[in-house]
Structure formats: C-alpha cells, structure tokens
Amino acid sequence: MSNPKIFQLSKFDITQKIIELLTNVCTRAILFSVKKEEKDATQIADELNISLSTVYKTLSNLEELTLIQVEKFVISNEGKKIKLYKSRIAKAEISMTDKEPVLNLYPN
C-alpha cells in the first residue's frame, strides 16, 4: 500500500508528521540554515557537515509538508537546474492537551 498524500491525511496525522520532523536534530539544523536566506542542497550539506543524500531526503520531507519552499531556480555552470530552498516557518510551538498535541507554526 502506498503512502497517503498530504490531502488524504487527517489534521492529526499532519501534526504528528511535522512534530516527528521537528524532533530530528538534522531537520532542525536544515530549517535554521534556510530561515534567513535561501540555499541549495550542496550549500546546506557543506555548511552543516551533513551528507548530501541526507540533506536531499530531509528537504524532500520538509517540502512535502510545506515547511520549506523553493524560492527560485538557478542554473549551474554545468547547465544544471538547482533549487534554492527557504524556510516557510520562523517559529514552531508544540504543546500538549489532554487528548492530542497542539502545533502552532508561525510564518517566516
């Protein structure tokens, strides 16, 4: 069975997925890296000393949940199209209620 698409997930499922992402140190580091200025995956990997494959996987997960966006595309010297990413969130707050977590995201 394939993974559900974002529009098929319940609000709780989306909140859970975002909370899971935000609890990952690598994910948070990438979000902080692209909070103030857009960067490509190679710049992020070099800056944070994280493997490029990990950066691409994390960016994909963040993009799927719309926590980052592609600000623009640039063309490399080799003619490759390169995405520049920027965080869509400036702040996140997670609190617990009696029944479920509450997630508040603030725009960047």
PDB file of N, CA and C in Angstrom:
ATOM      1  N   MET A   1       0.835  -1.182   0.000  1.00  0.00           N
ATOM      2  CA  MET A   1       0.000   0.000   0.000  1.00  0.00           C
ATOM      3  C   MET A   1       0.877   1.242   0.000  1.00  0.00           C
ATOM      4  N   SER A   2       0.570   2.208  -0.816  1.00  0.00           N
ATOM      5  CA  SER A   2       1.390   3.408  -0.919  1.00  0.00           C
ATOM      6  C   SER A   2       1.088   4.373   0.219  1.00  0.00           C
ATOM      7  N   ASN A   3       2.041   5.285   0.464  1.00  0.00           N
ATOM      8  CA  ASN A   3       1.848   6.301   1.495  1.00  0.00           C
ATOM      9  C   ASN A   3       0.761   7.259   1.059  1.00  0.00           C
ATOM     10  N   PRO A   4      -0.075   7.718   2.011  1.00  0.00           N
ATOM     11  CA  PRO A   4      -1.111   8.676   1.635  1.00  0.00           C
ATOM     12  C   PRO A   4      -0.507  10.017   1.263  1.00  0.00           C
ATOM     13  N   LYS A   5      -1.169  10.733   0.386  1.00  0.00           N
ATOM     14  CA  LYS A   5      -0.750  12.080   0.008  1.00  0.00           C
ATOM     15  C   LYS A   5      -1.201  13.051   1.091  1.00  0.00           C
ATOM     16  N   ILE A   6      -0.618  14.234   1.087  1.00  0.00           N
ATOM     17  CA  ILE A   6      -0.879  15.208   2.134  1.00  0.00           C
ATOM     18  C   ILE A   6      -2.368  15.511   2.294  1.00  0.00           C
ATOM     19  N   PHE A   7      -3.122  15.603   1.189  1.00  0.00           N
ATOM     20  CA  PHE A   7      -4.542  15.938   1.284  1.00  0.00           C
ATOM     21  C   PHE A   7      -5.365  14.782   1.831  1.00  0.00           C
ATOM     22  N   GLN A   8      -4.803  13.566   1.866  1.00  0.00           N
ATOM     23  CA  GLN A   8      -5.522  12.417   2.394  1.00  0.00           C
ATOM     24  C   GLN A   8      -5.303  12.245   3.895  1.00  0.00           C
ATOM     25  N   LEU A   9      -4.335  12.941   4.440  1.00  0.00           N
ATOM     26  CA  LEU A   9      -4.023  12.795   5.848  1.00  0.00           C
ATOM     27  C   LEU A   9      -4.977  13.617   6.692  1.00  0.00           C
ATOM     28  N   SER A  10      -5.297  13.090   7.858  1.00  0.00           N
ATOM     29  CA  SER A  10      -6.108  13.883   8.779  1.00  0.00           C
ATOM     30  C   SER A  10      -5.222  14.963   9.385  1.00  0.00           C
ATOM     31  N   LYS A  11      -5.850  15.955   9.996  1.00  0.00           N
ATOM     32  CA  LYS A  11      -5.110  17.048  10.630  1.00  0.00           C
ATOM     33  C   LYS A  11      -4.135  16.487  11.663  1.00  0.00           C
ATOM     34  N   PHE A  12      -4.572  15.498  12.433  1.00  0.00           N
ATOM     35  CA  PHE A  12      -3.723  14.907  13.461  1.00  0.00           C
ATOM     36  C   PHE A  12      -2.508  14.233  12.832  1.00  0.00           C
ATOM     37  N   ASP A  13      -2.710  13.519  11.726  1.00  0.00           N
ATOM     38  CA  ASP A  13      -1.597  12.858  11.049  1.00  0.00           C
ATOM     39  C   ASP A  13      -0.560  13.870  10.580  1.00  0.00           C
ATOM     40  N   ILE A  14      -1.022  14.995  10.030  1.00  0.00           N
ATOM     41  CA  ILE A  14      -0.095  16.026   9.565  1.00  0.00           C
ATOM     42  C   ILE A  14       0.663  16.609  10.753  1.00  0.00           C
ATOM     43  N   THR A  15      -0.047  16.906  11.825  1.00  0.00           N
ATOM     44  CA  THR A  15       0.595  17.426  13.037  1.00  0.00           C
ATOM     45  C   THR A  15       1.638  16.443  13.541  1.00  0.00           C
ATOM     46  N   GLN A  16       1.284  15.168  13.580  1.00  0.00           N
ATOM     47  CA  GLN A  16       2.234  14.149  14.037  1.00  0.00           C
ATOM     48  C   GLN A  16       3.471  14.098  13.149  1.00  0.00           C
ATOM     49  N   LYS A  17       3.267  14.143  11.842  1.00  0.00           N
ATOM     50  CA  LYS A  17       4.407  14.097  10.916  1.00  0.00           C
ATOM     51  C   LYS A  17       5.316  15.309  11.120  1.00  0.00           C
ATOM     52  N   ILE A  18       4.726  16.488  11.287  1.00  0.00           N
ATOM     53  CA  ILE A  18       5.528  17.695  11.491  1.00  0.00           C
ATOM     54  C   ILE A  18       6.277  17.614  12.815  1.00  0.00           C
ATOM     55  N   ILE A  19       5.606  17.178  13.867  1.00  0.00           N
ATOM     56  CA  ILE A  19       6.272  17.037  15.168  1.00  0.00           C
ATOM     57  C   ILE A  19       7.432  16.059  15.061  1.00  0.00           C
ATOM     58  N   GLU A  20       7.226  14.940  14.391  1.00  0.00           N
ATOM     59  CA  GLU A  20       8.297  13.959  14.213  1.00  0.00           C
ATOM     60  C   GLU A  20       9.486  14.578  13.478  1.00  0.00           C
ATOM     61  N   LEU A  21       9.198  15.348  12.424  1.00  0.00           N
ATOM     62  CA  LEU A  21      10.284  16.005  11.693  1.00  0.00           C
ATOM     63  C   LEU A  21      11.033  16.997  12.577  1.00  0.00           C
ATOM     64  N   LEU A  22      10.283  17.795  13.333  1.00  0.00           N
ATOM     65  CA  LEU A  22      10.905  18.835  14.153  1.00  0.00           C
ATOM     66  C   LEU A  22      11.702  18.276  15.333  1.00  0.00           C
ATOM     67  N   THR A  23      11.448  17.045  15.715  1.00  0.00           N
ATOM     68  CA  THR A  23      12.224  16.453  16.803  1.00  0.00           C
ATOM     69  C   THR A  23      13.563  15.907  16.325  1.00  0.00           C
ATOM     70  N   ASN A  24      13.779  15.907  15.022  1.00  0.00           N
ATOM     71  CA  ASN A  24      15.033  15.422  14.449  1.00  0.00           C
ATOM     72  C   ASN A  24      16.050  16.566  14.387  1.00  0.00           C
ATOM     73  N   VAL A  25      17.228  16.338  14.949  1.00  0.00           N
ATOM     74  CA  VAL A  25      18.276  17.362  15.005  1.00  0.00           C
ATOM     75  C   VAL A  25      18.680  17.826  13.610  1.00  0.00           C
ATOM     76  N   CYS A  26      18.816  16.908  12.699  1.00  0.00           N
ATOM     77  CA  CYS A  26      19.214  17.244  11.321  1.00  0.00           C
ATOM     78  C   CYS A  26      18.165  18.136  10.660  1.00  0.00           C
ATOM     79  N   THR A  27      16.900  17.800  10.832  1.00  0.00           N
ATOM     80  CA  THR A  27      15.817  18.592  10.252  1.00  0.00           C
ATOM     81  C   THR A  27      15.836  20.006  10.800  1.00  0.00           C
ATOM     82  N   ARG A  28      15.975  20.129  12.110  1.00  0.00           N
ATOM     83  CA  ARG A  28      16.008  21.462  12.712  1.00  0.00           C
ATOM     84  C   ARG A  28      17.203  22.261  12.219  1.00  0.00           C
ATOM     85  N   ALA A  29      18.343  21.630  12.096  1.00  0.00           N
ATOM     86  CA  ALA A  29      19.543  22.320  11.607  1.00  0.00           C
ATOM     87  C   ALA A  29      19.319  22.846  10.189  1.00  0.00           C
ATOM     88  N   ILE A  30      18.698  22.047   9.354  1.00  0.00           N
ATOM     89  CA  ILE A  30      18.420  22.467   7.977  1.00  0.00           C
ATOM     90  C   ILE A  30      17.427  23.629   7.963  1.00  0.00           C
ATOM     91  N   LEU A  31      16.381  23.546   8.771  1.00  0.00           N
ATOM     92  CA  LEU A  31      15.415  24.644   8.847  1.00  0.00           C
ATOM     93  C   LEU A  31      16.080  25.938   9.311  1.00  0.00           C
ATOM     94  N   PHE A  32      16.929  25.853  10.337  1.00  0.00           N
ATOM     95  CA  PHE A  32      17.638  27.048  10.814  1.00  0.00           C
ATOM     96  C   PHE A  32      18.559  27.598   9.728  1.00  0.00           C
ATOM     97  N   SER A  33      19.168  26.710   8.962  1.00  0.00           N
ATOM     98  CA  SER A  33      20.105  27.115   7.917  1.00  0.00           C
ATOM     99  C   SER A  33      19.423  27.941   6.824  1.00  0.00           C
ATOM    100  N   VAL A  34      18.178  27.609   6.515  1.00  0.00           N
ATOM    101  CA  VAL A  34      17.479  28.297   5.422  1.00  0.00           C
ATOM    102  C   VAL A  34      16.395  29.250   5.935  1.00  0.00           C
ATOM    103  N   LYS A  35      16.489  29.624   7.179  1.00  0.00           N
ATOM    104  CA  LYS A  35      15.481  30.524   7.749  1.00  0.00           C
ATOM    105  C   LYS A  35      15.637  31.952   7.231  1.00  0.00           C
ATOM    106  N   LYS A  36      16.865  32.446   7.138  1.00  0.00           N
ATOM    107  CA  LYS A  36      17.088  33.843   6.756  1.00  0.00           C
ATOM    108  C   LYS A  36      17.440  34.033   5.285  1.00  0.00           C
ATOM    109  N   GLU A  37      18.036  33.024   4.676  1.00  0.00           N
ATOM    110  CA  GLU A  37      18.398  33.145   3.263  1.00  0.00           C
ATOM    111  C   GLU A  37      18.258  31.805   2.567  1.00  0.00           C
ATOM    112  N   GLU A  38      17.925  31.877   1.278  1.00  0.00           N
ATOM    113  CA  GLU A  38      17.760  30.645   0.514  1.00  0.00           C
ATOM    114  C   GLU A  38      19.127  30.041   0.192  1.00  0.00           C
ATOM    115  N   LYS A  39      19.142  28.703   0.164  1.00  0.00           N
ATOM    116  CA  LYS A  39      20.371  27.963  -0.127  1.00  0.00           C
ATOM    117  C   LYS A  39      20.027  26.719  -0.915  1.00  0.00           C
ATOM    118  N   ASP A  40      21.021  26.221  -1.644  1.00  0.00           N
ATOM    119  CA  ASP A  40      20.822  24.954  -2.330  1.00  0.00           C
ATOM    120  C   ASP A  40      21.289  23.811  -1.429  1.00  0.00           C
ATOM    121  N   ALA A  41      20.982  22.598  -1.830  1.00  0.00           N
ATOM    122  CA  ALA A  41      21.285  21.421  -1.014  1.00  0.00           C
ATOM    123  C   ALA A  41      22.782  21.275  -0.743  1.00  0.00           C
ATOM    124  N   THR A  42      23.606  21.570  -1.722  1.00  0.00           N
ATOM    125  CA  THR A  42      25.053  21.447  -1.543  1.00  0.00           C
ATOM    126  C   THR A  42      25.567  22.452  -0.514  1.00  0.00           C
ATOM    127  N   GLN A  43      25.068  23.675  -0.576  1.00  0.00           N
ATOM    128  CA  GLN A  43      25.460  24.687   0.411  1.00  0.00           C
ATOM    129  C   GLN A  43      25.079  24.239   1.820  1.00  0.00           C
ATOM    130  N   ILE A  44      23.882  23.701   1.966  1.00  0.00           N
ATOM    131  CA  ILE A  44      23.417  23.236   3.277  1.00  0.00           C
ATOM    132  C   ILE A  44      24.292  22.095   3.779  1.00  0.00           C
ATOM    133  N   ALA A  45      24.553  21.125   2.914  1.00  0.00           N
ATOM    134  CA  ALA A  45      25.367  19.969   3.295  1.00  0.00           C
ATOM    135  C   ALA A  45      26.764  20.412   3.732  1.00  0.00           C
ATOM    136  N   ASP A  46      27.368  21.322   2.977  1.00  0.00           N
ATOM    137  CA  ASP A  46      28.710  21.811   3.322  1.00  0.00           C
ATOM    138  C   ASP A  46      28.701  22.591   4.629  1.00  0.00           C
ATOM    139  N   GLU A  47      27.715  23.462   4.785  1.00  0.00           N
ATOM    140  CA  GLU A  47      27.626  24.291   5.987  1.00  0.00           C
ATOM    141  C   GLU A  47      27.422  23.458   7.252  1.00  0.00           C
ATOM    142  N   LEU A  48      26.583  22.448   7.167  1.00  0.00           N
ATOM    143  CA  LEU A  48      26.218  21.658   8.342  1.00  0.00           C
ATOM    144  C   LEU A  48      27.027  20.371   8.481  1.00  0.00           C
ATOM    145  N   ASN A  49      27.882  20.095   7.503  1.00  0.00           N
ATOM    146  CA  ASN A  49      28.679  18.872   7.509  1.00  0.00           C
ATOM    147  C   ASN A  49      27.781  17.626   7.599  1.00  0.00           C
ATOM    148  N   ILE A  50      26.755  17.624   6.754  1.00  0.00           N
ATOM    149  CA  ILE A  50      25.797  16.522   6.655  1.00  0.00           C
ATOM    150  C   ILE A  50      25.893  15.980   5.237  1.00  0.00           C
ATOM    151  N   SER A  51      25.693  14.677   5.088  1.00  0.00           N
ATOM    152  CA  SER A  51      25.781  14.094   3.749  1.00  0.00           C
ATOM    153  C   SER A  51      24.716  14.702   2.839  1.00  0.00           C
ATOM    154  N   LEU A  52      25.069  14.836   1.582  1.00  0.00           N
ATOM    155  CA  LEU A  52      24.161  15.420   0.597  1.00  0.00           C
ATOM    156  C   LEU A  52      22.882  14.597   0.471  1.00  0.00           C
ATOM    157  N   SER A  53      22.980  13.282   0.543  1.00  0.00           N
ATOM    158  CA  SER A  53      21.789  12.436   0.439  1.00  0.00           C
ATOM    159  C   SER A  53      20.841  12.671   1.617  1.00  0.00           C
ATOM    160  N   THR A  54      21.395  12.873   2.807  1.00  0.00           N
ATOM    161  CA  THR A  54      20.564  13.170   3.981  1.00  0.00           C
ATOM    162  C   THR A  54      19.876  14.517   3.813  1.00  0.00           C
ATOM    163  N   VAL A  55      20.602  15.491   3.295  1.00  0.00           N
ATOM    164  CA  VAL A  55      20.021  16.820   3.069  1.00  0.00           C
ATOM    165  C   VAL A  55      18.880  16.719   2.060  1.00  0.00           C
ATOM    166  N   TYR A  56      19.095  16.023   0.949  1.00  0.00           N
ATOM    167  CA  TYR A  56      18.046  15.894  -0.064  1.00  0.00           C
ATOM    168  C   TYR A  56      16.808  15.194   0.508  1.00  0.00           C
ATOM    169  N   LYS A  57      17.012  14.140   1.272  1.00  0.00           N
ATOM    170  CA  LYS A  57      15.882  13.414   1.860  1.00  0.00           C
ATOM    171  C   LYS A  57      15.117  14.310   2.827  1.00  0.00           C
ATOM    172  N   THR A  58      15.837  15.037   3.662  1.00  0.00           N
ATOM    173  CA  THR A  58      15.202  15.936   4.626  1.00  0.00           C
ATOM    174  C   THR A  58      14.461  17.068   3.916  1.00  0.00           C
ATOM    175  N   LEU A  59      15.085  17.653   2.902  1.00  0.00           N
ATOM    176  CA  LEU A  59      14.426  18.714   2.129  1.00  0.00           C
ATOM    177  C   LEU A  59      13.148  18.202   1.483  1.00  0.00           C
ATOM    178  N   SER A  60      13.185  17.002   0.972  1.00  0.00           N
ATOM    179  CA  SER A  60      12.003  16.407   0.354  1.00  0.00           C
ATOM    180  C   SER A  60      10.868  16.268   1.370  1.00  0.00           C
ATOM    181  N   ASN A  61      11.202  15.780   2.559  1.00  0.00           N
ATOM    182  CA  ASN A  61      10.199  15.640   3.621  1.00  0.00           C
ATOM    183  C   ASN A  61       9.641  16.993   4.044  1.00  0.00           C
ATOM    184  N   LEU A  62      10.509  17.978   4.183  1.00  0.00           N
ATOM    185  CA  LEU A  62      10.074  19.320   4.566  1.00  0.00           C
ATOM    186  C   LEU A  62       9.219  19.968   3.483  1.00  0.00           C
ATOM    187  N   GLU A  63       9.596  19.747   2.243  1.00  0.00           N
ATOM    188  CA  GLU A  63       8.836  20.314   1.124  1.00  0.00           C
ATOM    189  C   GLU A  63       7.458  19.655   1.021  1.00  0.00           C
ATOM    190  N   GLU A  64       7.404  18.356   1.246  1.00  0.00           N
ATOM    191  CA  GLU A  64       6.133  17.622   1.195  1.00  0.00           C
ATOM    192  C   GLU A  64       5.136  18.179   2.214  1.00  0.00           C
ATOM    193  N   LEU A  65       5.628  18.558   3.383  1.00  0.00           N
ATOM    194  CA  LEU A  65       4.755  19.100   4.434  1.00  0.00           C
ATOM    195  C   LEU A  65       4.695  20.625   4.397  1.00  0.00           C
ATOM    196  N   THR A  66       5.210  21.210   3.343  1.00  0.00           N
ATOM    197  CA  THR A  66       5.199  22.656   3.074  1.00  0.00           C
ATOM    198  C   THR A  66       5.857  23.493   4.175  1.00  0.00           C
ATOM    199  N   LEU A  67       6.869  22.940   4.824  1.00  0.00           N
ATOM    200  CA  LEU A  67       7.608  23.694   5.836  1.00  0.00           C
ATOM    201  C   LEU A  67       8.740  24.501   5.209  1.00  0.00           C
ATOM    202  N   ILE A  68       9.135  24.113   4.001  1.00  0.00           N
ATOM    203  CA  ILE A  68      10.086  24.898   3.213  1.00  0.00           C
ATOM    204  C   ILE A  68       9.492  25.087   1.827  1.00  0.00           C
ATOM    205  N   GLN A  69      10.067  26.014   1.107  1.00  0.00           N
ATOM    206  CA  GLN A  69       9.626  26.226  -0.267  1.00  0.00           C
ATOM    207  C   GLN A  69      10.841  26.461  -1.152  1.00  0.00           C
ATOM    208  N   VAL A  70      10.651  26.216  -2.416  1.00  0.00           N
ATOM    209  CA  VAL A  70      11.690  26.532  -3.388  1.00  0.00           C
ATOM    210  C   VAL A  70      11.510  28.004  -3.723  1.00  0.00           C
ATOM    211  N   GLU A  71      12.484  28.818  -3.337  1.00  0.00           N
ATOM    212  CA  GLU A  71      12.423  30.267  -3.574  1.00  0.00           C
ATOM    213  C   GLU A  71      12.615  30.582  -5.042  1.00  0.00           C
ATOM    214  N   LYS A  72      13.586  29.898  -5.631  1.00  0.00           N
ATOM    215  CA  LYS A  72      13.867  30.108  -7.049  1.00  0.00           C
ATOM    216  C   LYS A  72      14.779  29.004  -7.556  1.00  0.00           C
ATOM    217  N   PHE A  73      14.952  28.988  -8.852  1.00  0.00           N
ATOM    218  CA  PHE A  73      15.868  28.055  -9.511  1.00  0.00           C
ATOM    219  C   PHE A  73      17.017  28.860 -10.089  1.00  0.00           C
ATOM    220  N   VAL A  74      18.203  28.284 -10.033  1.00  0.00           N
ATOM    221  CA  VAL A  74      19.355  28.884 -10.698  1.00  0.00           C
ATOM    222  C   VAL A  74      19.970  27.814 -11.593  1.00  0.00           C
ATOM    223  N   ILE A  75      20.713  28.251 -12.562  1.00  0.00           N
ATOM    224  CA  ILE A  75      21.394  27.332 -13.473  1.00  0.00           C
ATOM    225  C   ILE A  75      22.878  27.324 -13.112  1.00  0.00           C
ATOM    226  N   SER A  76      23.406  26.121 -12.863  1.00  0.00           N
ATOM    227  CA  SER A  76      24.820  25.987 -12.511  1.00  0.00           C
ATOM    228  C   SER A  76      25.703  26.195 -13.739  1.00  0.00           C
ATOM    229  N   ASN A  77      27.004  26.266 -13.520  1.00  0.00           N
ATOM    230  CA  ASN A  77      27.960  26.405 -14.629  1.00  0.00           C
ATOM    231  C   ASN A  77      27.888  25.215 -15.580  1.00  0.00           C
ATOM    232  N   GLU A  78      27.460  24.065 -15.038  1.00  0.00           N
ATOM    233  CA  GLU A  78      27.335  22.858 -15.862  1.00  0.00           C
ATOM    234  C   GLU A  78      25.987  22.782 -16.565  1.00  0.00           C
ATOM    235  N   GLY A  79      25.143  23.781 -16.356  1.00  0.00           N
ATOM    236  CA  GLY A  79      23.838  23.808 -17.005  1.00  0.00           C
ATOM    237  C   GLY A  79      22.738  23.087 -16.236  1.00  0.00           C
ATOM    238  N   LYS A  80      23.010  22.684 -14.978  1.00  0.00           N
ATOM    239  CA  LYS A  80      22.000  22.002 -14.171  1.00  0.00           C
ATOM    240  C   LYS A  80      21.087  23.014 -13.495  1.00  0.00           C
ATOM    241  N   LYS A  81      19.823  22.642 -13.387  1.00  0.00           N
ATOM    242  CA  LYS A  81      18.840  23.468 -12.698  1.00  0.00           C
ATOM    243  C   LYS A  81      18.933  23.150 -11.200  1.00  0.00           C
ATOM    244  N   ILE A  82      19.176  24.158 -10.380  1.00  0.00           N
ATOM    245  CA  ILE A  82      19.382  23.970  -8.942  1.00  0.00           C
ATOM    246  C   ILE A  82      18.297  24.711  -8.170  1.00  0.00           C
ATOM    247  N   LYS A  83      17.678  24.010  -7.215  1.00  0.00           N
ATOM    248  CA  LYS A  83      16.655  24.615  -6.363  1.00  0.00           C
ATOM    249  C   LYS A  83      17.309  25.349  -5.203  1.00  0.00           C
ATOM    250  N   LEU A  84      16.791  26.522  -4.891  1.00  0.00           N
ATOM    251  CA  LEU A  84      17.194  27.255  -3.696  1.00  0.00           C
ATOM    252  C   LEU A  84      16.018  27.224  -2.728  1.00  0.00           C
ATOM    253  N   TYR A  85      16.276  26.703  -1.529  1.00  0.00           N
ATOM    254  CA  TYR A  85      15.229  26.484  -0.537  1.00  0.00           C
ATOM    255  C   TYR A  85      15.242  27.562   0.542  1.00  0.00           C
ATOM    256  N   LYS A  86      14.041  27.836   1.076  1.00  0.00           N
ATOM    257  CA  LYS A  86      13.921  28.763   2.197  1.00  0.00           C
ATOM    258  C   LYS A  86      12.816  28.257   3.122  1.00  0.00           C
ATOM    259  N   SER A  87      13.029  28.425   4.419  1.00  0.00           N
ATOM    260  CA  SER A  87      12.041  28.004   5.400  1.00  0.00           C
ATOM    261  C   SER A  87      10.781  28.846   5.290  1.00  0.00           C
ATOM    262  N   ARG A  88       9.644  28.204   5.408  1.00  0.00           N
ATOM    263  CA  ARG A  88       8.368  28.921   5.434  1.00  0.00           C
ATOM    264  C   ARG A  88       7.948  29.225   6.865  1.00  0.00           C
ATOM    265  N   ILE A  89       8.669  28.657   7.841  1.00  0.00           N
ATOM    266  CA  ILE A  89       8.318  28.899   9.234  1.00  0.00           C
ATOM    267  C   ILE A  89       9.464  29.579   9.965  1.00  0.00           C
ATOM    268  N   ALA A  90       9.109  30.507  10.837  1.00  0.00           N
ATOM    269  CA  ALA A  90      10.103  31.211  11.638  1.00  0.00           C
ATOM    270  C   ALA A  90      10.133  30.650  13.052  1.00  0.00           C
ATOM    271  N   LYS A  91       9.012  30.075  13.455  1.00  0.00           N
ATOM    272  CA  LYS A  91       8.894  29.605  14.830  1.00  0.00           C
ATOM    273  C   LYS A  91       7.863  28.487  14.876  1.00  0.00           C
ATOM    274  N   ALA A  92       8.092  27.520  15.768  1.00  0.00           N
ATOM    275  CA  ALA A  92       7.137  26.438  15.982  1.00  0.00           C
ATOM    276  C   ALA A  92       6.968  26.231  17.483  1.00  0.00           C
ATOM    277  N   GLU A  93       5.727  26.040  17.886  1.00  0.00           N
ATOM    278  CA  GLU A  93       5.426  25.750  19.286  1.00  0.00           C
ATOM    279  C   GLU A  93       4.609  24.471  19.348  1.00  0.00           C
ATOM    280  N   ILE A  94       5.024  23.573  20.225  1.00  0.00           N
ATOM    281  CA  ILE A  94       4.303  22.320  20.419  1.00  0.00           C
ATOM    282  C   ILE A  94       3.860  22.278  21.878  1.00  0.00           C
ATOM    283  N   SER A  95       2.574  22.064  22.094  1.00  0.00           N
ATOM    284  CA  SER A  95       2.069  21.936  23.460  1.00  0.00           C
ATOM    285  C   SER A  95       1.190  20.692  23.541  1.00  0.00           C
ATOM    286  N   MET A  96       0.981  20.232  24.735  1.00  0.00           N
ATOM    287  CA  MET A  96       0.190  19.019  24.942  1.00  0.00           C
ATOM    288  C   MET A  96      -1.124  19.375  25.610  1.00  0.00           C
ATOM    289  N   THR A  97      -2.204  18.833  25.076  1.00  0.00           N
ATOM    290  CA  THR A  97      -3.504  18.967  25.717  1.00  0.00           C
ATOM    291  C   THR A  97      -3.847  17.605  26.298  1.00  0.00           C
ATOM    292  N   ASP A  98      -5.056  17.460  26.792  1.00  0.00           N
ATOM    293  CA  ASP A  98      -5.463  16.176  27.370  1.00  0.00           C
ATOM    294  C   ASP A  98      -5.503  15.055  26.344  1.00  0.00           C
ATOM    295  N   LYS A  99      -5.837  15.395  25.103  1.00  0.00           N
ATOM    296  CA  LYS A  99      -6.069  14.347  24.117  1.00  0.00           C
ATOM    297  C   LYS A  99      -5.040  14.271  22.998  1.00  0.00           C
ATOM    298  N   GLU A 100      -4.458  15.403  22.619  1.00  0.00           N
ATOM    299  CA  GLU A 100      -3.537  15.382  21.487  1.00  0.00           C
ATOM    300  C   GLU A 100      -2.606  16.598  21.535  1.00  0.00           C
ATOM    301  N   PRO A 101      -1.495  16.507  20.821  1.00  0.00           N
ATOM    302  CA  PRO A 101      -0.587  17.667  20.784  1.00  0.00           C
ATOM    303  C   PRO A 101      -1.170  18.800  19.938  1.00  0.00           C
ATOM    304  N   VAL A 102      -0.774  20.006  20.292  1.00  0.00           N
ATOM    305  CA  VAL A 102      -1.188  21.178  19.534  1.00  0.00           C
ATOM    306  C   VAL A 102       0.075  21.788  18.935  1.00  0.00           C
ATOM    307  N   LEU A 103       0.043  22.030  17.660  1.00  0.00           N
ATOM    308  CA  LEU A 103       1.187  22.573  16.947  1.00  0.00           C
ATOM    309  C   LEU A 103       0.832  23.937  16.396  1.00  0.00           C
ATOM    310  N   ASN A 104       1.632  24.935  16.727  1.00  0.00           N
ATOM    311  CA  ASN A 104       1.464  26.283  16.176  1.00  0.00           C
ATOM    312  C   ASN A 104       2.700  26.632  15.376  1.00  0.00           C
ATOM    313  N   LEU A 105       2.506  26.938  14.097  1.00  0.00           N
ATOM    314  CA  LEU A 105       3.600  27.334  13.219  1.00  0.00           C
ATOM    315  C   LEU A 105       3.426  28.802  12.861  1.00  0.00           C
ATOM    316  N   TYR A 106       4.519  29.545  12.889  1.00  0.00           N
ATOM    317  CA  TYR A 106       4.481  30.974  12.595  1.00  0.00           C
ATOM    318  C   TYR A 106       5.260  31.233  11.310  1.00  0.00           C
ATOM    319  N   PRO A 107       4.701  32.010  10.398  1.00  0.00           N
ATOM    320  CA  PRO A 107       5.324  32.208   9.084  1.00  0.00           C
ATOM    321  C   PRO A 107       6.656  32.942   9.162  1.00  0.00           C
ATOM    322  N   ASN A 108       7.496  32.633   8.213  1.00  0.00           N
ATOM    323  CA  ASN A 108       8.812  33.249   8.112  1.00  0.00           C
ATOM    324  C   ASN A 108       8.703  34.506   7.256  1.00  0.00           C
TER     325      ASN A 108
END
